[in-house]
Amino acid sequence: MKKIAVEQSLSEVRSALQEKGYEIIDLKNQEDAARCDCCVISGQDRNVMGMMEATTKGAVIDAAGKSADEVCQDVEARFS
């Protein structure tokens, strides 16, 4: 089972991914990101001050402007 870290503000995305059988954990810090196959972020705090650090080798999906179904499709596309 793939483990997905999801920002806490994305409750609809969290529910939709759980329904599809993914293991969901809260994305609170870099350790959470490092132990997941994929991270879903809201995009609100992405690239703050022009600096970005990679904390995961898995995919990072920006949910900004997307429905929960669209995010699920993006996640599934990464694993297929």
PDB file of N, CA and C in Angstrom:
ATOM      1  N   MET A   1       0.843  -1.169   0.000  1.00  0.00           N
ATOM      2  CA  MET A   1       0.000   0.000   0.000  1.00  0.00           C
ATOM      3  C   MET A   1       0.895   1.242   0.000  1.00  0.00           C
ATOM      4  N   LYS A   2       0.582   2.183  -0.884  1.00  0.00           N
ATOM      5  CA  LYS A   2       1.358   3.418  -0.974  1.00  0.00           C
ATOM      6  C   LYS A   2       0.985   4.355   0.170  1.00  0.00           C
ATOM      7  N   LYS A   3       1.992   5.022   0.698  1.00  0.00           N
ATOM      8  CA  LYS A   3       1.796   5.956   1.808  1.00  0.00           C
ATOM      9  C   LYS A   3       1.860   7.376   1.248  1.00  0.00           C
ATOM     10  N   ILE A   4       0.812   8.153   1.516  1.00  0.00           N
ATOM     11  CA  ILE A   4       0.710   9.513   1.005  1.00  0.00           C
ATOM     12  C   ILE A   4       0.638  10.484   2.179  1.00  0.00           C
ATOM     13  N   ALA A   5       1.486  11.501   2.162  1.00  0.00           N
ATOM     14  CA  ALA A   5       1.422  12.571   3.152  1.00  0.00           C
ATOM     15  C   ALA A   5       0.583  13.699   2.573  1.00  0.00           C
ATOM     16  N   VAL A   6      -0.402  14.152   3.346  1.00  0.00           N
ATOM     17  CA  VAL A   6      -1.323  15.187   2.880  1.00  0.00           C
ATOM     18  C   VAL A   6      -1.359  16.307   3.910  1.00  0.00           C
ATOM     19  N   GLU A   7      -1.272  17.555   3.434  1.00  0.00           N
ATOM     20  CA  GLU A   7      -1.389  18.693   4.346  1.00  0.00           C
ATOM     21  C   GLU A   7      -2.744  18.650   5.032  1.00  0.00           C
ATOM     22  N   GLN A   8      -2.775  19.066   6.282  1.00  0.00           N
ATOM     23  CA  GLN A   8      -3.984  18.977   7.088  1.00  0.00           C
ATOM     24  C   GLN A   8      -5.151  19.774   6.515  1.00  0.00           C
ATOM     25  N   SER A   9      -4.898  20.839   5.808  1.00  0.00           N
ATOM     26  CA  SER A   9      -5.965  21.684   5.259  1.00  0.00           C
ATOM     27  C   SER A   9      -6.711  21.025   4.096  1.00  0.00           C
ATOM     28  N   LEU A  10      -6.206  19.912   3.586  1.00  0.00           N
ATOM     29  CA  LEU A  10      -6.792  19.254   2.410  1.00  0.00           C
ATOM     30  C   LEU A  10      -7.650  18.057   2.816  1.00  0.00           C
ATOM     31  N   SER A  11      -8.663  18.300   3.619  1.00  0.00           N
ATOM     32  CA  SER A  11      -9.480  17.200   4.164  1.00  0.00           C
ATOM     33  C   SER A  11     -10.249  16.446   3.082  1.00  0.00           C
ATOM     34  N   GLU A  12     -10.750  17.140   2.058  1.00  0.00           N
ATOM     35  CA  GLU A  12     -11.470  16.448   0.982  1.00  0.00           C
ATOM     36  C   GLU A  12     -10.537  15.530   0.198  1.00  0.00           C
ATOM     37  N   VAL A  13      -9.330  15.983  -0.044  1.00  0.00           N
ATOM     38  CA  VAL A  13      -8.339  15.176  -0.748  1.00  0.00           C
ATOM     39  C   VAL A  13      -7.975  13.962   0.097  1.00  0.00           C
ATOM     40  N   ARG A  14      -7.789  14.176   1.381  1.00  0.00           N
ATOM     41  CA  ARG A  14      -7.462  13.092   2.315  1.00  0.00           C
ATOM     42  C   ARG A  14      -8.540  12.010   2.252  1.00  0.00           C
ATOM     43  N   SER A  15      -9.799  12.402   2.333  1.00  0.00           N
ATOM     44  CA  SER A  15     -10.910  11.445   2.307  1.00  0.00           C
ATOM     45  C   SER A  15     -10.969  10.687   0.986  1.00  0.00           C
ATOM     46  N   ALA A  16     -10.793  11.407  -0.106  1.00  0.00           N
ATOM     47  CA  ALA A  16     -10.857  10.773  -1.431  1.00  0.00           C
ATOM     48  C   ALA A  16      -9.739   9.745  -1.609  1.00  0.00           C
ATOM     49  N   LEU A  17      -8.537  10.069  -1.133  1.00  0.00           N
ATOM     50  CA  LEU A  17      -7.413   9.129  -1.261  1.00  0.00           C
ATOM     51  C   LEU A  17      -7.603   7.914  -0.355  1.00  0.00           C
ATOM     52  N   GLN A  18      -8.155   8.126   0.841  1.00  0.00           N
ATOM     53  CA  GLN A  18      -8.430   7.005   1.740  1.00  0.00           C
ATOM     54  C   GLN A  18      -9.451   6.055   1.119  1.00  0.00           C
ATOM     55  N   GLU A  19     -10.460   6.611   0.459  1.00  0.00           N
ATOM     56  CA  GLU A  19     -11.471   5.780  -0.197  1.00  0.00           C
ATOM     57  C   GLU A  19     -10.859   4.917  -1.292  1.00  0.00           C
ATOM     58  N   LYS A  20      -9.774   5.397  -1.893  1.00  0.00           N
ATOM     59  CA  LYS A  20      -9.098   4.640  -2.949  1.00  0.00           C
ATOM     60  C   LYS A  20      -8.099   3.633  -2.383  1.00  0.00           C
ATOM     61  N   GLY A  21      -7.962   3.592  -1.050  1.00  0.00           N
ATOM     62  CA  GLY A  21      -7.130   2.579  -0.419  1.00  0.00           C
ATOM     63  C   GLY A  21      -5.713   2.996  -0.073  1.00  0.00           C
ATOM     64  N   TYR A  22      -5.386   4.270  -0.200  1.00  0.00           N
ATOM     65  CA  TYR A  22      -4.053   4.735   0.161  1.00  0.00           C
ATOM     66  C   TYR A  22      -3.950   4.941   1.667  1.00  0.00           C
ATOM     67  N   GLU A  23      -2.760   4.720   2.206  1.00  0.00           N
ATOM     68  CA  GLU A  23      -2.488   5.027   3.612  1.00  0.00           C
ATOM     69  C   GLU A  23      -2.130   6.503   3.691  1.00  0.00           C
ATOM     70  N   ILE A  24      -2.843   7.243   4.522  1.00  0.00           N
ATOM     71  CA  ILE A  24      -2.665   8.688   4.602  1.00  0.00           C
ATOM     72  C   ILE A  24      -2.059   9.068   5.950  1.00  0.00           C
ATOM     73  N   ILE A  25      -1.047   9.949   5.894  1.00  0.00           N
ATOM     74  CA  ILE A  25      -0.497  10.518   7.125  1.00  0.00           C
ATOM     75  C   ILE A  25      -0.503  12.043   6.994  1.00  0.00           C
ATOM     76  N   ASP A  26      -0.479  12.729   8.130  1.00  0.00           N
ATOM     77  CA  ASP A  26      -0.426  14.190   8.126  1.00  0.00           C
ATOM     78  C   ASP A  26       0.951  14.651   7.684  1.00  0.00           C
ATOM     79  N   LEU A  27       0.963  15.644   6.823  1.00  0.00           N
ATOM     80  CA  LEU A  27       2.219  16.257   6.389  1.00  0.00           C
ATOM     81  C   LEU A  27       2.454  17.476   7.268  1.00  0.00           C
ATOM     82  N   LYS A  28       3.281  17.272   8.308  1.00  0.00           N
ATOM     83  CA  LYS A  28       3.543  18.348   9.268  1.00  0.00           C
ATOM     84  C   LYS A  28       4.981  18.839   9.208  1.00  0.00           C
ATOM     85  N   ASN A  29       5.891  17.958   8.787  1.00  0.00           N
ATOM     86  CA  ASN A  29       7.303  18.340   8.803  1.00  0.00           C
ATOM     87  C   ASN A  29       8.081  17.520   7.771  1.00  0.00           C
ATOM     88  N   GLN A  30       9.363  17.756   7.720  1.00  0.00           N
ATOM     89  CA  GLN A  30      10.209  17.095   6.720  1.00  0.00           C
ATOM     90  C   GLN A  30      10.303  15.589   6.933  1.00  0.00           C
ATOM     91  N   GLU A  31      10.234  15.140   8.184  1.00  0.00           N
ATOM     92  CA  GLU A  31      10.298  13.695   8.435  1.00  0.00           C
ATOM     93  C   GLU A  31       9.089  12.983   7.841  1.00  0.00           C
ATOM     94  N   ASP A  32       7.910  13.621   7.932  1.00  0.00           N
ATOM     95  CA  ASP A  32       6.707  13.035   7.338  1.00  0.00           C
ATOM     96  C   ASP A  32       6.882  12.881   5.832  1.00  0.00           C
ATOM     97  N   ALA A  33       7.413  13.904   5.199  1.00  0.00           N
ATOM     98  CA  ALA A  33       7.613  13.869   3.749  1.00  0.00           C
ATOM     99  C   ALA A  33       8.620  12.796   3.360  1.00  0.00           C
ATOM    100  N   ALA A  34       9.659  12.639   4.158  1.00  0.00           N
ATOM    101  CA  ALA A  34      10.726  11.696   3.824  1.00  0.00           C
ATOM    102  C   ALA A  34      10.281  10.238   3.890  1.00  0.00           C
ATOM    103  N   ARG A  35       9.228   9.936   4.676  1.00  0.00           N
ATOM    104  CA  ARG A  35       8.822   8.536   4.816  1.00  0.00           C
ATOM    105  C   ARG A  35       7.593   8.176   3.982  1.00  0.00           C
ATOM    106  N   CYS A  36       7.309   8.980   2.960  1.00  0.00           N
ATOM    107  CA  CYS A  36       6.135   8.734   2.121  1.00  0.00           C
ATOM    108  C   CYS A  36       6.528   8.491   0.672  1.00  0.00           C
ATOM    109  N   ASP A  37       5.607   7.868  -0.047  1.00  0.00           N
ATOM    110  CA  ASP A  37       5.797   7.640  -1.474  1.00  0.00           C
ATOM    111  C   ASP A  37       5.392   8.860  -2.291  1.00  0.00           C
ATOM    112  N   CYS A  38       4.553   9.711  -1.701  1.00  0.00           N
ATOM    113  CA  CYS A  38       4.030  10.877  -2.405  1.00  0.00           C
ATOM    114  C   CYS A  38       3.546  11.887  -1.372  1.00  0.00           C
ATOM    115  N   CYS A  39       3.642  13.178  -1.699  1.00  0.00           N
ATOM    116  CA  CYS A  39       3.137  14.238  -0.833  1.00  0.00           C
ATOM    117  C   CYS A  39       2.158  15.097  -1.618  1.00  0.00           C
ATOM    118  N   VAL A  40       1.082  15.499  -0.954  1.00  0.00           N
ATOM    119  CA  VAL A  40       0.117  16.410  -1.560  1.00  0.00           C
ATOM    120  C   VAL A  40       0.128  17.683  -0.736  1.00  0.00           C
ATOM    121  N   ILE A  41       0.426  18.797  -1.411  1.00  0.00           N
ATOM    122  CA  ILE A  41       0.523  20.084  -0.730  1.00  0.00           C
ATOM    123  C   ILE A  41      -0.551  21.027  -1.251  1.00  0.00           C
ATOM    124  N   SER A  42      -0.882  22.026  -0.434  1.00  0.00           N
ATOM    125  CA  SER A  42      -1.893  23.002  -0.835  1.00  0.00           C
ATOM    126  C   SER A  42      -1.311  24.059  -1.764  1.00  0.00           C
ATOM    127  N   GLY A  43      -0.006  24.214  -1.755  1.00  0.00           N
ATOM    128  CA  GLY A  43       0.645  25.208  -2.595  1.00  0.00           C
ATOM    129  C   GLY A  43       0.743  26.574  -1.948  1.00  0.00           C
ATOM    130  N   GLN A  44       0.145  26.756  -0.779  1.00  0.00           N
ATOM    131  CA  GLN A  44       0.145  28.062  -0.129  1.00  0.00           C
ATOM    132  C   GLN A  44       1.516  28.479   0.368  1.00  0.00           C
ATOM    133  N   ASP A  45       2.322  27.526   0.834  1.00  0.00           N
ATOM    134  CA  ASP A  45       3.632  27.901   1.380  1.00  0.00           C
ATOM    135  C   ASP A  45       4.774  27.338   0.554  1.00  0.00           C
ATOM    136  N   ARG A  46       4.480  27.033  -0.707  1.00  0.00           N
ATOM    137  CA  ARG A  46       5.500  26.468  -1.589  1.00  0.00           C
ATOM    138  C   ARG A  46       6.493  27.548  -1.998  1.00  0.00           C
ATOM    139  N   ASN A  47       7.755  27.218  -1.967  1.00  0.00           N
ATOM    140  CA  ASN A  47       8.829  28.092  -2.417  1.00  0.00           C
ATOM    141  C   ASN A  47       8.830  29.436  -1.690  1.00  0.00           C
ATOM    142  N   VAL A  48       8.677  29.402  -0.388  1.00  0.00           N
ATOM    143  CA  VAL A  48       8.703  30.613   0.412  1.00  0.00           C
ATOM    144  C   VAL A  48      10.087  31.253   0.319  1.00  0.00           C
ATOM    145  N   MET A  49      10.143  32.535   0.102  1.00  0.00           N
ATOM    146  CA  MET A  49      11.384  33.310   0.001  1.00  0.00           C
ATOM    147  C   MET A  49      12.280  32.823  -1.125  1.00  0.00           C
ATOM    148  N   GLY A  50      11.710  32.196  -2.138  1.00  0.00           N
ATOM    149  CA  GLY A  50      12.496  31.787  -3.288  1.00  0.00           C
ATOM    150  C   GLY A  50      13.405  30.596  -3.051  1.00  0.00           C
ATOM    151  N   MET A  51      13.235  29.899  -1.931  1.00  0.00           N
ATOM    152  CA  MET A  51      14.083  28.757  -1.615  1.00  0.00           C
ATOM    153  C   MET A  51      13.224  27.506  -1.548  1.00  0.00           C
ATOM    154  N   MET A  52      13.689  26.436  -2.167  1.00  0.00           N
ATOM    155  CA  MET A  52      12.981  25.163  -2.097  1.00  0.00           C
ATOM    156  C   MET A  52      13.968  24.084  -1.712  1.00  0.00           C
ATOM    157  N   GLU A  53      13.574  23.223  -0.800  1.00  0.00           N
ATOM    158  CA  GLU A  53      14.410  22.098  -0.398  1.00  0.00           C
ATOM    159  C   GLU A  53      13.662  20.815  -0.679  1.00  0.00           C
ATOM    160  N   ALA A  54      14.322  19.873  -1.305  1.00  0.00           N
ATOM    161  CA  ALA A  54      13.712  18.572  -1.543  1.00  0.00           C
ATOM    162  C   ALA A  54      13.835  17.738  -0.275  1.00  0.00           C
ATOM    163  N   THR A  55      12.694  17.303   0.252  1.00  0.00           N
ATOM    164  CA  THR A  55      12.729  16.494   1.463  1.00  0.00           C
ATOM    165  C   THR A  55      12.202  15.097   1.211  1.00  0.00           C
ATOM    166  N   THR A  56      11.790  14.817  -0.007  1.00  0.00           N
ATOM    167  CA  THR A  56      11.274  13.500  -0.338  1.00  0.00           C
ATOM    168  C   THR A  56      11.750  13.095  -1.717  1.00  0.00           C
ATOM    169  N   LYS A  57      11.927  11.813  -1.899  1.00  0.00           N
ATOM    170  CA  LYS A  57      12.276  11.305  -3.219  1.00  0.00           C
ATOM    171  C   LYS A  57      11.028  10.956  -4.008  1.00  0.00           C
ATOM    172  N   GLY A  58       9.878  10.961  -3.324  1.00  0.00           N
ATOM    173  CA  GLY A  58       8.606  10.675  -3.974  1.00  0.00           C
ATOM    174  C   GLY A  58       8.065  11.904  -4.690  1.00  0.00           C
ATOM    175  N   ALA A  59       6.945  11.714  -5.341  1.00  0.00           N
ATOM    176  CA  ALA A  59       6.298  12.794  -6.071  1.00  0.00           C
ATOM    177  C   ALA A  59       5.706  13.811  -5.105  1.00  0.00           C
ATOM    178  N   VAL A  60       5.699  15.068  -5.524  1.00  0.00           N
ATOM    179  CA  VAL A  60       5.033  16.129  -4.788  1.00  0.00           C
ATOM    180  C   VAL A  60       3.962  16.686  -5.705  1.00  0.00           C
ATOM    181  N   ILE A  61       2.716  16.636  -5.244  1.00  0.00           N
ATOM    182  CA  ILE A  61       1.589  17.077  -6.050  1.00  0.00           C
ATOM    183  C   ILE A  61       0.996  18.327  -5.423  1.00  0.00           C
ATOM    184  N   ASP A  62       0.905  19.373  -6.214  1.00  0.00           N
ATOM    185  CA  ASP A  62       0.333  20.642  -5.774  1.00  0.00           C
ATOM    186  C   ASP A  62      -1.170  20.603  -6.039  1.00  0.00           C
ATOM    187  N   ALA A  63      -1.974  20.692  -4.979  1.00  0.00           N
ATOM    188  CA  ALA A  63      -3.430  20.587  -5.101  1.00  0.00           C
ATOM    189  C   ALA A  63      -4.102  21.931  -5.368  1.00  0.00           C
ATOM    190  N   ALA A  64      -3.342  22.999  -5.476  1.00  0.00           N
ATOM    191  CA  ALA A  64      -3.921  24.330  -5.665  1.00  0.00           C
ATOM    192  C   ALA A  64      -4.775  24.372  -6.928  1.00  0.00           C
ATOM    193  N   GLY A  65      -6.027  24.781  -6.767  1.00  0.00           N
ATOM    194  CA  GLY A  65      -6.928  24.924  -7.908  1.00  0.00           C
ATOM    195  C   GLY A  65      -7.490  23.630  -8.458  1.00  0.00           C
ATOM    196  N   LYS A  66      -7.259  22.520  -7.779  1.00  0.00           N
ATOM    197  CA  LYS A  66      -7.725  21.220  -8.272  1.00  0.00           C
ATOM    198  C   LYS A  66      -8.790  20.655  -7.346  1.00  0.00           C
ATOM    199  N   SER A  67      -9.686  19.878  -7.917  1.00  0.00           N
ATOM    200  CA  SER A  67     -10.668  19.168  -7.102  1.00  0.00           C
ATOM    201  C   SER A  67     -10.004  17.943  -6.482  1.00  0.00           C
ATOM    202  N   ALA A  68     -10.678  17.348  -5.509  1.00  0.00           N
ATOM    203  CA  ALA A  68     -10.152  16.133  -4.878  1.00  0.00           C
ATOM    204  C   ALA A  68      -9.989  15.020  -5.915  1.00  0.00           C
ATOM    205  N   ASP A  69     -10.938  14.920  -6.849  1.00  0.00           N
ATOM    206  CA  ASP A  69     -10.844  13.897  -7.895  1.00  0.00           C
ATOM    207  C   ASP A  69      -9.644  14.126  -8.806  1.00  0.00           C
ATOM    208  N   GLU A  70      -9.373  15.378  -9.135  1.00  0.00           N
ATOM    209  CA  GLU A  70      -8.215  15.683  -9.980  1.00  0.00           C
ATOM    210  C   GLU A  70      -6.907  15.323  -9.278  1.00  0.00           C
ATOM    211  N   VAL A  71      -6.839  15.594  -7.986  1.00  0.00           N
ATOM    212  CA  VAL A  71      -5.639  15.248  -7.219  1.00  0.00           C
ATOM    213  C   VAL A  71      -5.473  13.732  -7.175  1.00  0.00           C
ATOM    214  N   CYS A  72      -6.570  12.997  -6.965  1.00  0.00           N
ATOM    215  CA  CYS A  72      -6.509  11.526  -6.968  1.00  0.00           C
ATOM    216  C   CYS A  72      -5.996  11.010  -8.310  1.00  0.00           C
ATOM    217  N   GLN A  73      -6.448  11.618  -9.396  1.00  0.00           N
ATOM    218  CA  GLN A  73      -5.975  11.214 -10.722  1.00  0.00           C
ATOM    219  C   GLN A  73      -4.482  11.461 -10.864  1.00  0.00           C
ATOM    220  N   ASP A  74      -4.016  12.599 -10.347  1.00  0.00           N
ATOM    221  CA  ASP A  74      -2.579  12.909 -10.395  1.00  0.00           C
ATOM    222  C   ASP A  74      -1.770  11.880  -9.594  1.00  0.00           C
ATOM    223  N   VAL A  75      -2.265  11.516  -8.408  1.00  0.00           N
ATOM    224  CA  VAL A  75      -1.591  10.537  -7.567  1.00  0.00           C
ATOM    225  C   VAL A  75      -1.534   9.197  -8.284  1.00  0.00           C
ATOM    226  N   GLU A  76      -2.662   8.755  -8.814  1.00  0.00           N
ATOM    227  CA  GLU A  76      -2.709   7.459  -9.510  1.00  0.00           C
ATOM    228  C   GLU A  76      -1.795   7.445 -10.726  1.00  0.00           C
ATOM    229  N   ALA A  77      -1.689   8.568 -11.430  1.00  0.00           N
ATOM    230  CA  ALA A  77      -0.824   8.658 -12.601  1.00  0.00           C
ATOM    231  C   ALA A  77       0.649   8.484 -12.207  1.00  0.00           C
ATOM    232  N   ARG A  78       1.018   8.960 -11.018  1.00  0.00           N
ATOM    233  CA  ARG A  78       2.407   8.848 -10.559  1.00  0.00           C
ATOM    234  C   ARG A  78       2.789   7.395 -10.275  1.00  0.00           C
ATOM    235  N   PHE A  79       1.814   6.589  -9.903  1.00  0.00           N
ATOM    236  CA  PHE A  79       2.100   5.211  -9.518  1.00  0.00           C
ATOM    237  C   PHE A  79       1.819   4.194 -10.617  1.00  0.00           C
ATOM    238  N   SER A  80       1.323   4.650 -11.752  1.00  0.00           N
ATOM    239  CA  SER A  80       1.016   3.688 -12.825  1.00  0.00           C
ATOM    240  C   SER A  80       2.123   3.609 -13.849  1.00  0.00           C
TER     241      SER A  80
END
